[in-house]
């Protein structure tokens, strides 16, 4: 199996575009598109916090906080 690689900015943009294309609905926040966007938003929030830290600190935080989100995202994609 080859690794899955991609740009999170592009992935987030596609989720955002898809969400904007959906008709207005009270259930819009519960769509798969919104769920995917939330995964991206969580990762982006962590990265903003890491703007001024060392590469070593960034790696540690990514393993502690980002990896569980990525694991959950991959499980969500496979369901």
Foldseek 3Di string as FASTA:
>chain_A
DDDDDDDLVVQLVVLVVVLVPDDDDPCSCVDPSNVSNVLSVQVVVLVVVCVPPDPVVNVVCCVVPVVVSVVVNVVSVVD
